[in-house]
Amino acid sequence: MVNVPVPAYTKGDVIRGLIEKNWMPRLEEFKPEMIFIS
């Protein structure tokens, strides 16, 4: 589980940076065969 909690009023530019830092390396490492989106 890669959970990225953020405080209220966080804007898109900050969220994009956190996604690049936290999600993308793990997704690249995992190499999924299918992706689901909630």
PDB file of all heavy atoms in Angstrom:
ATOM      1  N   MET A   1       0.845  -1.192   0.000  1.00  0.00           N
ATOM      2  CA  MET A   1       0.000   0.000   0.000  1.00  0.00           C
ATOM      3  C   MET A   1       0.885   1.249   0.000  1.00  0.00           C
ATOM      4  O   MET A   1       1.723   1.420   0.895  1.00  0.00           O
ATOM      5  CB  MET A   1      -0.894   0.021   1.247  1.00  0.00           C
ATOM      6  CG  MET A   1      -1.854  -1.147   1.333  1.00  0.00           C
ATOM      7  SD  MET A   1      -3.211  -0.988   0.148  1.00  0.00           S
ATOM      8  CE  MET A   1      -3.497  -2.725  -0.282  1.00  0.00           C
ATOM      9  N   VAL A   2       0.714   2.093  -1.004  1.00  0.00           N
ATOM     10  CA  VAL A   2       1.443   3.365  -1.078  1.00  0.00           C
ATOM     11  C   VAL A   2       0.426   4.474  -0.835  1.00  0.00           C
ATOM     12  O   VAL A   2      -0.262   4.927  -1.754  1.00  0.00           O
ATOM     13  CB  VAL A   2       2.144   3.539  -2.432  1.00  0.00           C
ATOM     14  CG1 VAL A   2       2.910   4.859  -2.471  1.00  0.00           C
ATOM     15  CG2 VAL A   2       3.081   2.364  -2.708  1.00  0.00           C
ATOM     16  N   ASN A   3       0.283   4.882   0.410  1.00  0.00           N
ATOM     17  CA  ASN A   3      -0.710   5.874   0.803  1.00  0.00           C
ATOM     18  C   ASN A   3      -0.036   7.243   0.925  1.00  0.00           C
ATOM     19  O   ASN A   3       0.989   7.375   1.590  1.00  0.00           O
ATOM     20  CB  ASN A   3      -1.333   5.503   2.146  1.00  0.00           C
ATOM     21  CG  ASN A   3      -2.150   4.229   2.073  1.00  0.00           C
ATOM     22  OD1 ASN A   3      -2.537   3.789   0.993  1.00  0.00           O
ATOM     23  ND2 ASN A   3      -2.415   3.622   3.218  1.00  0.00           N
ATOM     24  N   VAL A   4      -0.656   8.247   0.305  1.00  0.00           N
ATOM     25  CA  VAL A   4      -0.108   9.601   0.348  1.00  0.00           C
ATOM     26  C   VAL A   4      -1.183  10.531   0.913  1.00  0.00           C
ATOM     27  O   VAL A   4      -1.984  11.100   0.170  1.00  0.00           O
ATOM     28  CB  VAL A   4       0.342  10.069  -1.047  1.00  0.00           C
ATOM     29  CG1 VAL A   4       1.013  11.437  -0.967  1.00  0.00           C
ATOM     30  CG2 VAL A   4       1.291   9.051  -1.684  1.00  0.00           C
ATOM     31  N   PRO A   5      -1.253  10.684   2.240  1.00  0.00           N
ATOM     32  CA  PRO A   5      -2.217  11.611   2.837  1.00  0.00           C
ATOM     33  C   PRO A   5      -1.745  13.056   2.664  1.00  0.00           C
ATOM     34  O   PRO A   5      -0.551  13.343   2.807  1.00  0.00           O
ATOM     35  CB  PRO A   5      -2.240  11.195   4.306  1.00  0.00           C
ATOM     36  CG  PRO A   5      -0.940  10.522   4.551  1.00  0.00           C
ATOM     37  CD  PRO A   5      -0.473   9.950   3.253  1.00  0.00           C
ATOM     38  N   VAL A   6      -2.678  13.940   2.339  1.00  0.00           N
ATOM     39  CA  VAL A   6      -2.332  15.353   2.153  1.00  0.00           C
ATOM     40  C   VAL A   6      -3.330  16.212   2.934  1.00  0.00           C
ATOM     41  O   VAL A   6      -4.483  15.824   3.112  1.00  0.00           O
ATOM     42  CB  VAL A   6      -2.335  15.774   0.666  1.00  0.00           C
ATOM     43  CG1 VAL A   6      -1.290  14.995  -0.109  1.00  0.00           C
ATOM     44  CG2 VAL A   6      -3.706  15.587   0.028  1.00  0.00           C
ATOM     45  N   PRO A   7      -2.904  17.380   3.409  1.00  0.00           N
ATOM     46  CA  PRO A   7      -3.822  18.227   4.177  1.00  0.00           C
ATOM     47  C   PRO A   7      -4.857  18.906   3.295  1.00  0.00           C
ATOM     48  O   PRO A   7      -4.686  19.027   2.070  1.00  0.00           O
ATOM     49  CB  PRO A   7      -2.885  19.247   4.824  1.00  0.00           C
ATOM     50  CG  PRO A   7      -1.690  19.302   3.934  1.00  0.00           C
ATOM     51  CD  PRO A   7      -1.534  17.922   3.374  1.00  0.00           C
ATOM     52  N   ALA A   8      -5.929  19.358   3.920  1.00  0.00           N
ATOM     53  CA  ALA A   8      -6.951  20.132   3.212  1.00  0.00           C
ATOM     54  C   ALA A   8      -6.313  21.311   2.492  1.00  0.00           C
ATOM     55  O   ALA A   8      -5.297  21.861   2.939  1.00  0.00           O
ATOM     56  CB  ALA A   8      -8.004  20.622   4.196  1.00  0.00           C
ATOM     57  N   TYR A   9      -6.896  21.669   1.356  1.00  0.00           N
ATOM     58  CA  TYR A   9      -6.516  22.816   0.530  1.00  0.00           C
ATOM     59  C   TYR A   9      -5.226  22.593  -0.257  1.00  0.00           C
ATOM     60  O   TYR A   9      -4.699  23.534  -0.846  1.00  0.00           O
ATOM     61  CB  TYR A   9      -6.451  24.103   1.370  1.00  0.00           C
ATOM     62  CG  TYR A   9      -7.715  24.304   2.176  1.00  0.00           C
ATOM     63  CD1 TYR A   9      -7.723  24.174   3.551  1.00  0.00           C
ATOM     64  CD2 TYR A   9      -8.937  24.536   1.528  1.00  0.00           C
ATOM     65  CE1 TYR A   9      -8.890  24.304   4.285  1.00  0.00           C
ATOM     66  CE2 TYR A   9     -10.113  24.675   2.249  1.00  0.00           C
ATOM     67  CZ  TYR A   9     -10.077  24.547   3.626  1.00  0.00           C
ATOM     68  OH  TYR A   9     -11.247  24.674   4.341  1.00  0.00           O
ATOM     69  N   THR A  10      -4.727  21.362  -0.294  1.00  0.00           N
ATOM     70  CA  THR A  10      -3.597  21.058  -1.166  1.00  0.00           C
ATOM     71  C   THR A  10      -4.042  21.190  -2.619  1.00  0.00           C
ATOM     72  O   THR A  10      -5.092  20.695  -3.014  1.00  0.00           O
ATOM     73  CB  THR A  10      -3.078  19.636  -0.903  1.00  0.00           C
ATOM     74  OG1 THR A  10      -2.725  19.516   0.475  1.00  0.00           O
ATOM     75  CG2 THR A  10      -1.856  19.334  -1.754  1.00  0.00           C
ATOM     76  N   LYS A  11      -3.213  21.832  -3.430  1.00  0.00           N
ATOM     77  CA  LYS A  11      -3.570  22.087  -4.828  1.00  0.00           C
ATOM     78  C   LYS A  11      -2.877  21.099  -5.761  1.00  0.00           C
ATOM     79  O   LYS A  11      -2.010  20.322  -5.360  1.00  0.00           O
ATOM     80  CB  LYS A  11      -3.222  23.525  -5.198  1.00  0.00           C
ATOM     81  CG  LYS A  11      -4.080  24.541  -4.457  1.00  0.00           C
ATOM     82  CD  LYS A  11      -3.813  25.960  -4.919  1.00  0.00           C
ATOM     83  CE  LYS A  11      -4.716  26.952  -4.202  1.00  0.00           C
ATOM     84  NZ  LYS A  11      -4.451  28.355  -4.606  1.00  0.00           N
ATOM     85  N   GLY A  12      -3.253  21.200  -7.018  1.00  0.00           N
ATOM     86  CA  GLY A  12      -2.835  20.220  -8.002  1.00  0.00           C
ATOM     87  C   GLY A  12      -1.341  20.120  -8.210  1.00  0.00           C
ATOM     88  O   GLY A  12      -0.811  19.021  -8.401  1.00  0.00           O
ATOM     89  N   ASP A  13      -0.630  21.253  -8.190  1.00  0.00           N
ATOM     90  CA  ASP A  13       0.806  21.188  -8.456  1.00  0.00           C
ATOM     91  C   ASP A  13       1.523  20.394  -7.374  1.00  0.00           C
ATOM     92  O   ASP A  13       2.448  19.613  -7.657  1.00  0.00           O
ATOM     93  CB  ASP A  13       1.393  22.587  -8.597  1.00  0.00           C
ATOM     94  CG  ASP A  13       1.167  23.471  -7.376  1.00  0.00           C
ATOM     95  OD1 ASP A  13       0.253  23.187  -6.579  1.00  0.00           O
ATOM     96  OD2 ASP A  13       1.913  24.461  -7.214  1.00  0.00           O
ATOM     97  N   VAL A  14       1.094  20.556  -6.130  1.00  0.00           N
ATOM     98  CA  VAL A  14       1.698  19.801  -5.026  1.00  0.00           C
ATOM     99  C   VAL A  14       1.358  18.323  -5.159  1.00  0.00           C
ATOM    100  O   VAL A  14       2.223  17.440  -4.978  1.00  0.00           O
ATOM    101  CB  VAL A  14       1.224  20.357  -3.671  1.00  0.00           C
ATOM    102  CG1 VAL A  14       1.746  19.503  -2.520  1.00  0.00           C
ATOM    103  CG2 VAL A  14       1.668  21.812  -3.515  1.00  0.00           C
ATOM    104  N   ILE A  15       0.113  18.022  -5.476  1.00  0.00           N
ATOM    105  CA  ILE A  15      -0.301  16.628  -5.622  1.00  0.00           C
ATOM    106  C   ILE A  15       0.440  15.956  -6.769  1.00  0.00           C
ATOM    107  O   ILE A  15       0.885  14.802  -6.655  1.00  0.00           O
ATOM    108  CB  ILE A  15      -1.828  16.554  -5.791  1.00  0.00           C
ATOM    109  CG1 ILE A  15      -2.494  16.830  -4.425  1.00  0.00           C
ATOM    110  CG2 ILE A  15      -2.275  15.216  -6.366  1.00  0.00           C
ATOM    111  CD1 ILE A  15      -3.988  16.911  -4.442  1.00  0.00           C
ATOM    112  N   ARG A  16       0.644  16.670  -7.867  1.00  0.00           N
ATOM    113  CA  ARG A  16       1.407  16.082  -8.979  1.00  0.00           C
ATOM    114  C   ARG A  16       2.826  15.725  -8.530  1.00  0.00           C
ATOM    115  O   ARG A  16       3.353  14.655  -8.869  1.00  0.00           O
ATOM    116  CB  ARG A  16       1.458  17.054 -10.153  1.00  0.00           C
ATOM    117  CG  ARG A  16       0.118  17.296 -10.826  1.00  0.00           C
ATOM    118  CD  ARG A  16       0.287  18.091 -12.102  1.00  0.00           C
ATOM    119  NE  ARG A  16      -0.966  18.651 -12.595  1.00  0.00           N
ATOM    120  CZ  ARG A  16      -1.157  19.087 -13.828  1.00  0.00           C
ATOM    121  NH1 ARG A  16      -0.154  19.034 -14.701  1.00  0.00           N
ATOM    122  NH2 ARG A  16      -2.323  19.585 -14.205  1.00  0.00           N
ATOM    123  N   GLY A  17       3.454  16.617  -7.769  1.00  0.00           N
ATOM    124  CA  GLY A  17       4.798  16.349  -7.279  1.00  0.00           C
ATOM    125  C   GLY A  17       4.848  15.141  -6.365  1.00  0.00           C
ATOM    126  O   GLY A  17       5.775  14.321  -6.442  1.00  0.00           O
ATOM    127  N   LEU A  18       3.851  15.003  -5.494  1.00  0.00           N
ATOM    128  CA  LEU A  18       3.804  13.859  -4.583  1.00  0.00           C
ATOM    129  C   LEU A  18       3.561  12.553  -5.331  1.00  0.00           C
ATOM    130  O   LEU A  18       4.109  11.502  -4.967  1.00  0.00           O
ATOM    131  CB  LEU A  18       2.711  14.075  -3.536  1.00  0.00           C
ATOM    132  CG  LEU A  18       3.000  15.178  -2.509  1.00  0.00           C
ATOM    133  CD1 LEU A  18       1.755  15.502  -1.707  1.00  0.00           C
ATOM    134  CD2 LEU A  18       4.144  14.765  -1.587  1.00  0.00           C
ATOM    135  N   ILE A  19       2.758  12.610  -6.377  1.00  0.00           N
ATOM    136  CA  ILE A  19       2.531  11.419  -7.195  1.00  0.00           C
ATOM    137  C   ILE A  19       3.825  10.995  -7.883  1.00  0.00           C
ATOM    138  O   ILE A  19       4.188   9.810  -7.896  1.00  0.00           O
ATOM    139  CB  ILE A  19       1.413  11.686  -8.219  1.00  0.00           C
ATOM    140  CG1 ILE A  19       0.053  11.703  -7.508  1.00  0.00           C
ATOM    141  CG2 ILE A  19       1.420  10.662  -9.349  1.00  0.00           C
ATOM    142  CD1 ILE A  19      -1.106  12.161  -8.368  1.00  0.00           C
ATOM    143  N   GLU A  20       4.548  11.949  -8.443  1.00  0.00           N
ATOM    144  CA  GLU A  20       5.821  11.626  -9.111  1.00  0.00           C
ATOM    145  C   GLU A  20       6.811  11.007  -8.128  1.00  0.00           C
ATOM    146  O   GLU A  20       7.520  10.049  -8.451  1.00  0.00           O
ATOM    147  CB  GLU A  20       6.425  12.881  -9.749  1.00  0.00           C
ATOM    148  CG  GLU A  20       5.676  13.399 -10.954  1.00  0.00           C
ATOM    149  CD  GLU A  20       5.824  12.512 -12.186  1.00  0.00           C
ATOM    150  OE1 GLU A  20       6.521  11.477 -12.123  1.00  0.00           O
ATOM    151  OE2 GLU A  20       5.225  12.840 -13.221  1.00  0.00           O
ATOM    152  N   LYS A  21       6.818  11.521  -6.927  1.00  0.00           N
ATOM    153  CA  LYS A  21       7.780  11.067  -5.928  1.00  0.00           C
ATOM    154  C   LYS A  21       7.402   9.728  -5.315  1.00  0.00           C
ATOM    155  O   LYS A  21       8.282   8.874  -5.066  1.00  0.00           O
ATOM    156  CB  LYS A  21       7.917  12.122  -4.827  1.00  0.00           C
ATOM    157  CG  LYS A  21       8.874  11.730  -3.708  1.00  0.00           C
ATOM    158  CD  LYS A  21       8.925  12.812  -2.635  1.00  0.00           C
ATOM    159  CE  LYS A  21       9.841  12.394  -1.480  1.00  0.00           C
ATOM    160  NZ  LYS A  21       9.870  13.437  -0.414  1.00  0.00           N
ATOM    161  N   ASN A  22       6.116   9.516  -5.068  1.00  0.00           N
ATOM    162  CA  ASN A  22       5.675   8.359  -4.281  1.00  0.00           C
ATOM    163  C   ASN A  22       5.068   7.225  -5.111  1.00  0.00           C
ATOM    164  O   ASN A  22       5.362   6.053  -4.859  1.00  0.00           O
ATOM    165  CB  ASN A  22       4.667   8.804  -3.221  1.00  0.00           C
ATOM    166  CG  ASN A  22       5.282   9.706  -2.180  1.00  0.00           C
ATOM    167  OD1 ASN A  22       5.934   9.241  -1.252  1.00  0.00           O
ATOM    168  ND2 ASN A  22       5.086  11.016  -2.314  1.00  0.00           N
ATOM    169  N   TRP A  23       4.193   7.573  -6.072  1.00  0.00           N
ATOM    170  CA  TRP A  23       3.542   6.527  -6.847  1.00  0.00           C
ATOM    171  C   TRP A  23       4.436   5.940  -7.928  1.00  0.00           C
ATOM    172  O   TRP A  23       4.547   4.727  -8.076  1.00  0.00           O
ATOM    173  CB  TRP A  23       2.295   7.069  -7.559  1.00  0.00           C
ATOM    174  CG  TRP A  23       1.116   7.379  -6.745  1.00  0.00           C
ATOM    175  CD1 TRP A  23       0.980   7.364  -5.384  1.00  0.00           C
ATOM    176  CD2 TRP A  23      -0.156   7.799  -7.282  1.00  0.00           C
ATOM    177  NE1 TRP A  23      -0.291   7.746  -5.043  1.00  0.00           N
ATOM    178  CE2 TRP A  23      -0.998   8.015  -6.172  1.00  0.00           C
ATOM    179  CE3 TRP A  23      -0.634   7.996  -8.570  1.00  0.00           C
ATOM    180  CZ2 TRP A  23      -2.330   8.425  -6.334  1.00  0.00           C
ATOM    181  CZ3 TRP A  23      -1.942   8.419  -8.735  1.00  0.00           C
ATOM    182  CH2 TRP A  23      -2.784   8.626  -7.633  1.00  0.00           C
ATOM    183  N   MET A  24       5.032   6.842  -8.712  1.00  0.00           N
ATOM    184  CA  MET A  24       5.628   6.397  -9.965  1.00  0.00           C
ATOM    185  C   MET A  24       6.777   5.413  -9.780  1.00  0.00           C
ATOM    186  O   MET A  24       6.842   4.404 -10.497  1.00  0.00           O
ATOM    187  CB  MET A  24       6.044   7.603 -10.811  1.00  0.00           C
ATOM    188  CG  MET A  24       4.896   8.568 -11.130  1.00  0.00           C
ATOM    189  SD  MET A  24       3.373   7.764 -11.714  1.00  0.00           S
ATOM    190  CE  MET A  24       3.925   7.070 -13.258  1.00  0.00           C
ATOM    191  N   PRO A  25       7.688   5.626  -8.827  1.00  0.00           N
ATOM    192  CA  PRO A  25       8.756   4.637  -8.654  1.00  0.00           C
ATOM    193  C   PRO A  25       8.228   3.255  -8.282  1.00  0.00           C
ATOM    194  O   PRO A  25       8.741   2.233  -8.756  1.00  0.00           O
ATOM    195  CB  PRO A  25       9.616   5.229  -7.529  1.00  0.00           C
ATOM    196  CG  PRO A  25       9.330   6.695  -7.555  1.00  0.00           C
ATOM    197  CD  PRO A  25       7.894   6.804  -7.952  1.00  0.00           C
ATOM    198  N   ARG A  26       7.197   3.212  -7.434  1.00  0.00           N
ATOM    199  CA  ARG A  26       6.641   1.917  -7.029  1.00  0.00           C
ATOM    200  C   ARG A  26       5.915   1.235  -8.193  1.00  0.00           C
ATOM    201  O   ARG A  26       6.008   0.013  -8.358  1.00  0.00           O
ATOM    202  CB  ARG A  26       5.705   2.080  -5.835  1.00  0.00           C
ATOM    203  CG  ARG A  26       6.407   2.407  -4.532  1.00  0.00           C
ATOM    204  CD  ARG A  26       7.293   1.263  -4.038  1.00  0.00           C
ATOM    205  NE  ARG A  26       6.552   0.028  -3.811  1.00  0.00           N
ATOM    206  CZ  ARG A  26       5.920  -0.278  -2.681  1.00  0.00           C
ATOM    207  NH1 ARG A  26       5.922   0.588  -1.654  1.00  0.00           N
ATOM    208  NH2 ARG A  26       5.285  -1.423  -2.560  1.00  0.00           N
ATOM    209  N   LEU A  27       5.178   1.998  -8.984  1.00  0.00           N
ATOM    210  CA  LEU A  27       4.514   1.419 -10.147  1.00  0.00           C
ATOM    211  C   LEU A  27       5.539   0.899 -11.146  1.00  0.00           C
ATOM    212  O   LEU A  27       5.381  -0.192 -11.711  1.00  0.00           O
ATOM    213  CB  LEU A  27       3.597   2.452 -10.805  1.00  0.00           C
ATOM    214  CG  LEU A  27       2.314   2.786 -10.039  1.00  0.00           C
ATOM    215  CD1 LEU A  27       1.660   4.036 -10.609  1.00  0.00           C
ATOM    216  CD2 LEU A  27       1.329   1.611 -10.062  1.00  0.00           C
ATOM    217  N   GLU A  28       6.599   1.651 -11.381  1.00  0.00           N
ATOM    218  CA  GLU A  28       7.655   1.210 -12.296  1.00  0.00           C
ATOM    219  C   GLU A  28       8.318  -0.068 -11.790  1.00  0.00           C
ATOM    220  O   GLU A  28       8.595  -0.993 -12.560  1.00  0.00           O
ATOM    221  CB  GLU A  28       8.698   2.320 -12.447  1.00  0.00           C
ATOM    222  CG  GLU A  28       8.227   3.539 -13.217  1.00  0.00           C
ATOM    223  CD  GLU A  28       8.333   3.347 -14.722  1.00  0.00           C
ATOM    224  OE1 GLU A  28       8.981   2.381 -15.164  1.00  0.00           O
ATOM    225  OE2 GLU A  28       7.770   4.179 -15.471  1.00  0.00           O
ATOM    226  N   GLU A  29       8.563  -0.124 -10.504  1.00  0.00           N
ATOM    227  CA  GLU A  29       9.191  -1.300  -9.913  1.00  0.00           C
ATOM    228  C   GLU A  29       8.276  -2.521  -9.983  1.00  0.00           C
ATOM    229  O   GLU A  29       8.724  -3.657 -10.221  1.00  0.00           O
ATOM    230  CB  GLU A  29       9.561  -0.997  -8.464  1.00  0.00           C
ATOM    231  CG  GLU A  29      10.169  -2.150  -7.697  1.00  0.00           C
ATOM    232  CD  GLU A  29      10.352  -1.841  -6.212  1.00  0.00           C
ATOM    233  OE1 GLU A  29       9.727  -0.879  -5.716  1.00  0.00           O
ATOM    234  OE2 GLU A  29      11.104  -2.575  -5.564  1.00  0.00           O
ATOM    235  N   PHE A  30       6.980  -2.298  -9.790  1.00  0.00           N
ATOM    236  CA  PHE A  30       6.003  -3.390  -9.729  1.00  0.00           C
ATOM    237  C   PHE A  30       5.704  -3.975 -11.108  1.00  0.00           C
ATOM    238  O   PHE A  30       5.407  -5.155 -11.239  1.00  0.00           O
ATOM    239  CB  PHE A  30       4.724  -2.863  -9.075  1.00  0.00           C
ATOM    240  CG  PHE A  30       3.697  -3.915  -8.767  1.00  0.00           C
ATOM    241  CD1 PHE A  30       3.944  -4.903  -7.825  1.00  0.00           C
ATOM    242  CD2 PHE A  30       2.464  -3.907  -9.404  1.00  0.00           C
ATOM    243  CE1 PHE A  30       2.986  -5.863  -7.516  1.00  0.00           C
ATOM    244  CE2 PHE A  30       1.496  -4.855  -9.110  1.00  0.00           C
ATOM    245  CZ  PHE A  30       1.759  -5.837  -8.159  1.00  0.00           C
ATOM    246  N   LYS A  31       5.731  -3.135 -12.145  1.00  0.00           N
ATOM    247  CA  LYS A  31       5.457  -3.564 -13.526  1.00  0.00           C
ATOM    248  C   LYS A  31       4.089  -4.270 -13.636  1.00  0.00           C
ATOM    249  O   LYS A  31       3.999  -5.458 -13.971  1.00  0.00           O
ATOM    250  CB  LYS A  31       6.567  -4.470 -14.059  1.00  0.00           C
ATOM    251  CG  LYS A  31       7.936  -3.814 -14.103  1.00  0.00           C
ATOM    252  CD  LYS A  31       8.999  -4.771 -14.599  1.00  0.00           C
ATOM    253  CE  LYS A  31      10.344  -4.085 -14.765  1.00  0.00           C
ATOM    254  NZ  LYS A  31      10.871  -3.488 -13.520  1.00  0.00           N
ATOM    255  N   PRO A  32       3.012  -3.560 -13.379  1.00  0.00           N
ATOM    256  CA  PRO A  32       1.687  -4.206 -13.366  1.00  0.00           C
ATOM    257  C   PRO A  32       1.287  -4.731 -14.735  1.00  0.00           C
ATOM    258  O   PRO A  32       1.608  -4.141 -15.770  1.00  0.00           O
ATOM    259  CB  PRO A  32       0.755  -3.069 -12.920  1.00  0.00           C
ATOM    260  CG  PRO A  32       1.459  -1.821 -13.348  1.00  0.00           C
ATOM    261  CD  PRO A  32       2.919  -2.104 -13.161  1.00  0.00           C
ATOM    262  N   GLU A  33       0.548  -5.833 -14.722  1.00  0.00           N
ATOM    263  CA  GLU A  33       0.015  -6.401 -15.960  1.00  0.00           C
ATOM    264  C   GLU A  33      -1.368  -5.839 -16.292  1.00  0.00           C
ATOM    265  O   GLU A  33      -1.859  -6.028 -17.415  1.00  0.00           O
ATOM    266  CB  GLU A  33      -0.054  -7.918 -15.831  1.00  0.00           C
ATOM    267  CG  GLU A  33       1.309  -8.566 -15.654  1.00  0.00           C
ATOM    268  CD  GLU A  33       1.208 -10.032 -15.292  1.00  0.00           C
ATOM    269  OE1 GLU A  33       0.676 -10.355 -14.210  1.00  0.00           O
ATOM    270  OE2 GLU A  33       1.650 -10.856 -16.103  1.00  0.00           O
ATOM    271  N   MET A  34      -1.999  -5.194 -15.333  1.00  0.00           N
ATOM    272  CA  MET A  34      -3.260  -4.476 -15.536  1.00  0.00           C
ATOM    273  C   MET A  34      -3.361  -3.430 -14.450  1.00  0.00           C
ATOM    274  O   MET A  34      -2.861  -3.629 -13.334  1.00  0.00           O
ATOM    275  CB  MET A  34      -4.462  -5.418 -15.501  1.00  0.00           C
ATOM    276  CG  MET A  34      -5.819  -4.715 -15.594  1.00  0.00           C
ATOM    277  SD  MET A  34      -7.232  -5.858 -15.704  1.00  0.00           S
ATOM    278  CE  MET A  34      -7.307  -6.065 -17.478  1.00  0.00           C
ATOM    279  N   ILE A  35      -4.000  -2.305 -14.782  1.00  0.00           N
ATOM    280  CA  ILE A  35      -4.186  -1.233 -13.804  1.00  0.00           C
ATOM    281  C   ILE A  35      -5.677  -0.957 -13.659  1.00  0.00           C
ATOM    282  O   ILE A  35      -6.394  -0.790 -14.653  1.00  0.00           O
ATOM    283  CB  ILE A  35      -3.455   0.054 -14.221  1.00  0.00           C
ATOM    284  CG1 ILE A  35      -1.948  -0.208 -14.348  1.00  0.00           C
ATOM    285  CG2 ILE A  35      -3.718   1.172 -13.205  1.00  0.00           C
ATOM    286  CD1 ILE A  35      -1.156   0.987 -14.848  1.00  0.00           C
ATOM    287  N   PHE A  36      -6.130  -0.915 -12.414  1.00  0.00           N
ATOM    288  CA  PHE A  36      -7.486  -0.486 -12.083  1.00  0.00           C
ATOM    289  C   PHE A  36      -7.411   0.916 -11.498  1.00  0.00           C
ATOM    290  O   PHE A  36      -6.458   1.252 -10.790  1.00  0.00           O
ATOM    291  CB  PHE A  36      -8.121  -1.424 -11.061  1.00  0.00           C
ATOM    292  CG  PHE A  36      -8.444  -2.782 -11.600  1.00  0.00           C
ATOM    293  CD1 PHE A  36      -7.457  -3.760 -11.666  1.00  0.00           C
ATOM    294  CD2 PHE A  36      -9.715  -3.087 -12.053  1.00  0.00           C
ATOM    295  CE1 PHE A  36      -7.740  -5.024 -12.175  1.00  0.00           C
ATOM    296  CE2 PHE A  36     -10.006  -4.347 -12.560  1.00  0.00           C
ATOM    297  CZ  PHE A  36      -9.013  -5.317 -12.624  1.00  0.00           C
ATOM    298  N   ILE A  37      -8.428   1.723 -11.774  1.00  0.00           N
ATOM    299  CA  ILE A  37      -8.511   3.069 -11.205  1.00  0.00           C
ATOM    300  C   ILE A  37      -9.799   3.187 -10.408  1.00  0.00           C
ATOM    301  O   ILE A  37     -10.891   2.943 -10.936  1.00  0.00           O
ATOM    302  CB  ILE A  37      -8.481   4.161 -12.294  1.00  0.00           C
ATOM    303  CG1 ILE A  37      -7.218   4.029 -13.155  1.00  0.00           C
ATOM    304  CG2 ILE A  37      -8.551   5.544 -11.652  1.00  0.00           C
ATOM    305  CD1 ILE A  37      -7.179   5.018 -14.328  1.00  0.00           C
ATOM    306  N   SER A  38      -9.670   3.518  -9.127  1.00  0.00           N
ATOM    307  CA  SER A  38     -10.814   3.972  -8.343  1.00  0.00           C
ATOM    308  C   SER A  38     -10.923   5.474  -8.588  1.00  0.00           C
ATOM    309  O   SER A  38     -10.231   6.287  -7.965  1.00  0.00           O
ATOM    310  CB  SER A  38     -10.598   3.659  -6.856  1.00  0.00           C
ATOM    311  OG  SER A  38     -11.022   2.362  -6.555  1.00  0.00           O
TER     312      SER A  38
END
